[in-house]
N, C-alpha and C. Protein backbone atom coordinates (compact mmCIF):
# COMPACT_ATOMS: atom_id res chain seq x y z
N MET A 1 69.86 71.47 119.72
CA MET A 1 71.24 71.35 118.67
C MET A 1 72.59 72.02 120.22
N GLY A 2 72.47 71.47 120.66
CA GLY A 2 73.05 70.57 122.20
C GLY A 2 73.71 71.40 122.40
N TYR A 3 73.65 73.23 122.04
CA TYR A 3 74.54 73.97 122.57
C TYR A 3 74.19 74.26 124.20
N PHE A 4 75.07 75.03 125.13
CA PHE A 4 74.72 75.35 126.36
C PHE A 4 74.67 76.88 125.98
N THR A 5 72.97 76.96 126.12
CA THR A 5 72.91 79.28 126.66
C THR A 5 72.93 79.63 127.67
N ALA A 6 72.97 81.06 127.71
CA ALA A 6 72.52 81.55 128.76
C ALA A 6 72.37 82.70 128.68
N MET A 7 71.82 84.16 129.38
CA MET A 7 71.39 85.06 128.74
C MET A 7 71.93 85.71 130.01
N ASP A 8 72.70 87.29 129.68
CA ASP A 8 73.21 87.46 131.18
C ASP A 8 73.98 86.79 132.16
N TYR A 9 75.30 86.58 131.97
CA TYR A 9 75.61 85.27 132.77
C TYR A 9 76.51 86.14 133.41
N TRP A 10 76.97 85.43 134.40
CA TRP A 10 78.14 86.01 134.50
C TRP A 10 78.57 87.99 134.61
N CYS A 11 79.40 88.36 134.94
CA CYS A 11 79.34 89.14 134.92
C CYS A 11 80.59 90.55 133.51
N CYS A 12 81.06 88.78 133.04
CA CYS A 12 82.20 89.14 132.08
C CYS A 12 82.17 88.05 131.29
N ARG A 13 82.26 88.63 129.83
CA ARG A 13 83.03 86.98 128.93
C ARG A 13 84.11 86.92 129.25
N THR A 14 85.14 87.06 130.33
CA THR A 14 86.36 86.18 130.64
C THR A 14 85.55 85.12 132.17
N CYS A 15 84.78 85.99 132.39
CA CYS A 15 84.55 84.46 134.57
C CYS A 15 83.32 83.55 133.63
N ALA A 16 82.45 84.55 132.50
CA ALA A 16 81.33 83.38 131.77
C ALA A 16 82.22 82.30 131.17
N TRP A 17 83.39 81.97 130.71
CA TRP A 17 84.01 80.96 129.73
C TRP A 17 84.74 80.22 130.49
N SER A 18 85.35 81.13 131.63
CA SER A 18 85.93 80.29 132.63
C SER A 18 84.68 79.17 133.75
N SER A 19 83.77 79.72 133.65
CA SER A 19 83.03 78.92 135.26
C SER A 19 82.50 77.85 133.80
N LEU A 20 82.02 77.25 132.54
CA LEU A 20 82.16 76.57 131.13
C LEU A 20 82.85 75.86 131.98
N ASP A 21 82.98 73.90 131.43
CA ASP A 21 83.73 72.27 131.61
C ASP A 21 84.20 72.95 130.22
N ASP A 22 84.99 72.24 130.31
CA ASP A 22 84.59 71.58 128.01
C ASP A 22 83.65 70.90 127.42
N GLU A 23 83.28 70.56 127.99
CA GLU A 23 81.85 70.12 126.59
C GLU A 23 80.78 71.37 126.39
N GLU A 24 81.16 71.98 127.55
CA GLU A 24 79.83 73.21 127.36
C GLU A 24 80.92 74.19 126.27
N ALA A 25 81.72 74.62 126.72
CA ALA A 25 82.68 75.20 125.91
C ALA A 25 82.97 75.40 124.78
N GLY A 26 82.57 73.73 124.22
CA GLY A 26 82.56 73.66 122.96
C GLY A 26 81.58 74.23 121.49
N ARG A 27 80.57 74.35 123.10
CA ARG A 27 79.42 74.46 121.64
C ARG A 27 78.36 75.11 122.67
N ALA A 28 78.96 76.06 123.17
CA ALA A 28 77.75 77.49 123.97
C ALA A 28 78.14 79.43 122.74
N VAL A 29 76.48 79.12 123.71
CA VAL A 29 75.57 80.75 123.32
C VAL A 29 75.44 81.37 124.48
N PHE A 30 75.65 83.10 124.56
CA PHE A 30 75.79 83.12 125.87
C PHE A 30 76.00 85.22 125.93
N TRP A 31 75.63 85.40 126.90
CA TRP A 31 75.84 87.47 126.82
C TRP A 31 75.76 87.78 127.63
N ALA A 32 77.25 88.20 128.49
CA ALA A 32 77.28 88.40 129.88
C ALA A 32 77.30 89.70 130.27
N SER A 33 75.86 90.01 131.83
CA SER A 33 75.78 91.15 132.43
C SER A 33 76.54 92.71 132.03
N ASN A 34 77.81 92.90 131.88
CA ASN A 34 78.57 93.43 131.73
C ASN A 34 78.49 94.55 130.08
N MET A 35 77.19 93.53 129.22
CA MET A 35 76.65 94.13 128.12
C MET A 35 75.43 95.54 128.66
N GLY A 36 75.57 95.76 129.81
CA GLY A 36 74.99 97.17 130.00
C GLY A 36 73.40 96.49 129.47
N ASP A 37 72.46 97.28 130.08
CA ASP A 37 70.64 97.19 129.30
C ASP A 37 70.76 97.37 128.25
N VAL A 38 70.55 96.39 127.32
CA VAL A 38 69.29 96.94 125.43
C VAL A 38 69.30 96.23 125.90
N PHE A 39 68.02 95.62 126.84
CA PHE A 39 65.63 95.80 126.08
C PHE A 39 65.37 96.25 127.34
N ASN A 40 64.16 97.11 127.03
CA ASN A 40 63.50 97.47 127.20
C ASN A 40 62.33 96.70 128.22
N THR A 41 61.40 97.63 129.24
CA THR A 41 60.88 96.78 130.45
C THR A 41 59.69 96.44 129.78
N ASP A 42 59.63 95.97 128.06
CA ASP A 42 58.68 94.46 128.15
C ASP A 42 59.40 93.65 127.27
N GLY A 43 60.99 93.49 127.66
CA GLY A 43 61.53 92.35 126.78
C GLY A 43 62.05 92.87 126.02
N ASN A 44 62.10 94.31 125.23
CA ASN A 44 62.54 93.72 123.59
C ASN A 44 64.07 94.02 123.48
N LEU A 45 64.74 93.88 122.31
CA LEU A 45 65.62 94.45 122.24
C LEU A 45 65.89 95.90 121.40
N THR A 46 66.80 96.90 122.42
CA THR A 46 66.74 98.74 121.92
C THR A 46 68.28 98.73 121.39
N ASP A 47 69.03 98.06 122.14
CA ASP A 47 70.00 98.08 120.63
C ASP A 47 71.20 96.82 120.07
N HIS A 48 72.36 96.74 120.11
CA HIS A 48 73.13 95.50 119.44
C HIS A 48 73.32 94.80 120.57
N LEU A 49 74.04 93.76 120.58
CA LEU A 49 73.33 92.64 121.90
C LEU A 49 74.50 92.00 120.89
N TYR A 50 75.47 91.51 122.04
CA TYR A 50 76.74 90.88 121.24
C TYR A 50 76.78 89.71 121.43
N LEU A 51 77.00 88.63 121.06
CA LEU A 51 76.82 87.53 121.54
C LEU A 51 78.53 86.01 121.71
N SER A 52 77.85 85.73 122.81
CA SER A 52 79.84 85.12 122.80
C SER A 52 79.61 83.42 122.43
N TRP A 53 79.69 82.83 121.88
CA TRP A 53 79.60 81.84 120.69
C TRP A 53 81.29 80.68 120.80
N SER A 54 80.66 80.46 120.43
CA SER A 54 81.45 78.50 120.48
C SER A 54 80.48 77.53 119.43
N GLY A 55 81.21 76.87 117.80
CA GLY A 55 80.56 76.02 118.30
C GLY A 55 80.68 76.08 116.16
N ASP A 56 79.46 76.39 115.79
CA ASP A 56 78.78 77.01 114.32
C ASP A 56 78.06 78.15 113.97
N ALA A 57 79.13 78.89 114.32
CA ALA A 57 77.73 80.72 113.80
C ALA A 57 76.70 80.63 112.99
N LEU A 58 77.05 80.15 111.71
CA LEU A 58 75.90 79.89 110.49
C LEU A 58 75.14 79.40 111.38
N ASP A 59 74.64 77.58 112.01
CA ASP A 59 73.33 77.23 112.56
C ASP A 59 73.07 78.26 113.76
N ILE A 60 74.21 78.80 114.50
CA ILE A 60 73.87 80.02 115.22
C ILE A 60 72.13 80.65 114.64
N MET A 61 73.39 81.68 113.79
CA MET A 61 72.66 82.78 113.40
C MET A 61 70.79 81.55 112.55
N SER A 62 71.73 81.05 112.45
CA SER A 62 69.76 80.07 111.28
C SER A 62 68.33 79.67 112.15
N ALA A 63 68.77 79.18 113.87
CA ALA A 63 68.26 79.06 114.33
C ALA A 63 67.82 80.45 114.83
N LEU A 64 68.76 81.72 115.53
CA LEU A 64 67.73 82.76 116.19
C LEU A 64 66.90 83.63 114.41
N SER A 65 67.19 83.29 113.60
CA SER A 65 66.66 83.62 112.26
C SER A 65 65.58 83.42 112.39
N ARG A 66 65.83 81.90 112.10
CA ARG A 66 63.77 81.66 112.74
C ARG A 66 63.13 81.94 113.56
N TYR A 67 63.95 83.38 114.88
CA TYR A 67 62.65 84.08 115.79
C TYR A 67 62.63 84.41 115.80
N GLY A 68 63.12 85.22 114.50
CA GLY A 68 62.88 86.41 113.64
C GLY A 68 64.32 87.91 114.64
N LEU A 69 64.80 87.22 113.78
CA LEU A 69 66.22 87.29 114.58
C LEU A 69 67.23 88.61 113.94
N ALA A 70 67.43 88.99 114.06
CA ALA A 70 68.46 89.74 112.47
C ALA A 70 69.37 89.82 113.12
N THR A 71 70.93 89.19 112.23
CA THR A 71 71.77 88.89 113.06
C THR A 71 72.82 89.06 112.01
N PHE A 72 74.50 89.87 112.33
CA PHE A 72 75.39 89.35 111.34
C PHE A 72 76.46 89.27 112.81
N TRP A 73 77.33 88.57 111.66
CA TRP A 73 78.49 88.33 111.58
C TRP A 73 80.49 88.66 110.87
N VAL A 74 81.08 88.77 110.77
CA VAL A 74 82.17 89.37 110.47
C VAL A 74 83.14 87.79 109.50
N GLY A 75 82.68 87.04 110.73
CA GLY A 75 83.21 85.59 110.00
C GLY A 75 84.25 85.31 110.24
N LYS A 76 85.45 86.18 111.25
CA LYS A 76 85.81 85.43 112.01
C LYS A 76 86.10 84.81 113.71
N GLU A 77 85.89 83.59 114.08
CA GLU A 77 86.06 82.36 115.57
C GLU A 77 86.08 84.00 116.21
N ASP A 78 87.37 85.19 116.76
CA ASP A 78 87.55 85.44 117.54
C ASP A 78 86.46 86.39 118.23
N ARG A 79 85.42 87.15 117.14
CA ARG A 79 84.44 88.44 116.82
C ARG A 79 83.01 87.30 117.21
N ALA A 80 81.79 88.65 117.87
CA ALA A 80 80.61 88.44 118.79
C ALA A 80 79.85 88.02 117.09
N ILE A 81 79.07 87.41 117.98
CA ILE A 81 78.02 87.21 117.45
C ILE A 81 76.60 88.39 117.42
N GLU A 82 76.38 89.22 116.06
CA GLU A 82 75.62 90.57 116.73
C GLU A 82 73.89 90.79 116.46
N VAL A 83 73.08 90.66 117.70
CA VAL A 83 72.13 90.33 117.25
C VAL A 83 71.73 91.99 116.87
N ILE A 84 70.46 92.18 116.08
CA ILE A 84 70.22 93.65 115.63
C ILE A 84 68.79 94.61 116.72
N PRO A 85 68.49 95.25 116.58
CA PRO A 85 67.21 95.05 116.82
C PRO A 85 66.22 95.45 115.86
N ARG A 86 65.23 95.53 115.87
CA ARG A 86 64.03 95.57 114.75
C ARG A 86 64.34 97.27 114.38
N GLY A 87 63.38 98.04 114.01
CA GLY A 87 63.80 98.95 112.89
C GLY A 87 64.07 100.51 113.84
C-alpha cells in the first residue's frame, strides 16, 4: 500500500516522526519504543498498542483487520489507531 512501516521504532513518537523524510511521513504506520512491553514472550499482544500513523486511517485499519487484528480509532487525524489484544 506504499506505507513506511516500523515496529518498536525510535525511542518516542517525536523522534520517530523527525527521522522520516517527507515522502515517508506522508504515509506511515509505526509504534515507538516507549509504548512499553505490550507483547508476551510468544509475541502475542497483551495490552493495547497505539499506532502513530499518517495517510488513510481506514485503509490502515482494513489492512490490519485482514490479518485478524482488532482496531479502534476515534476518527480524528491527531489520534492514534489502537490495536486491541484478543480476549
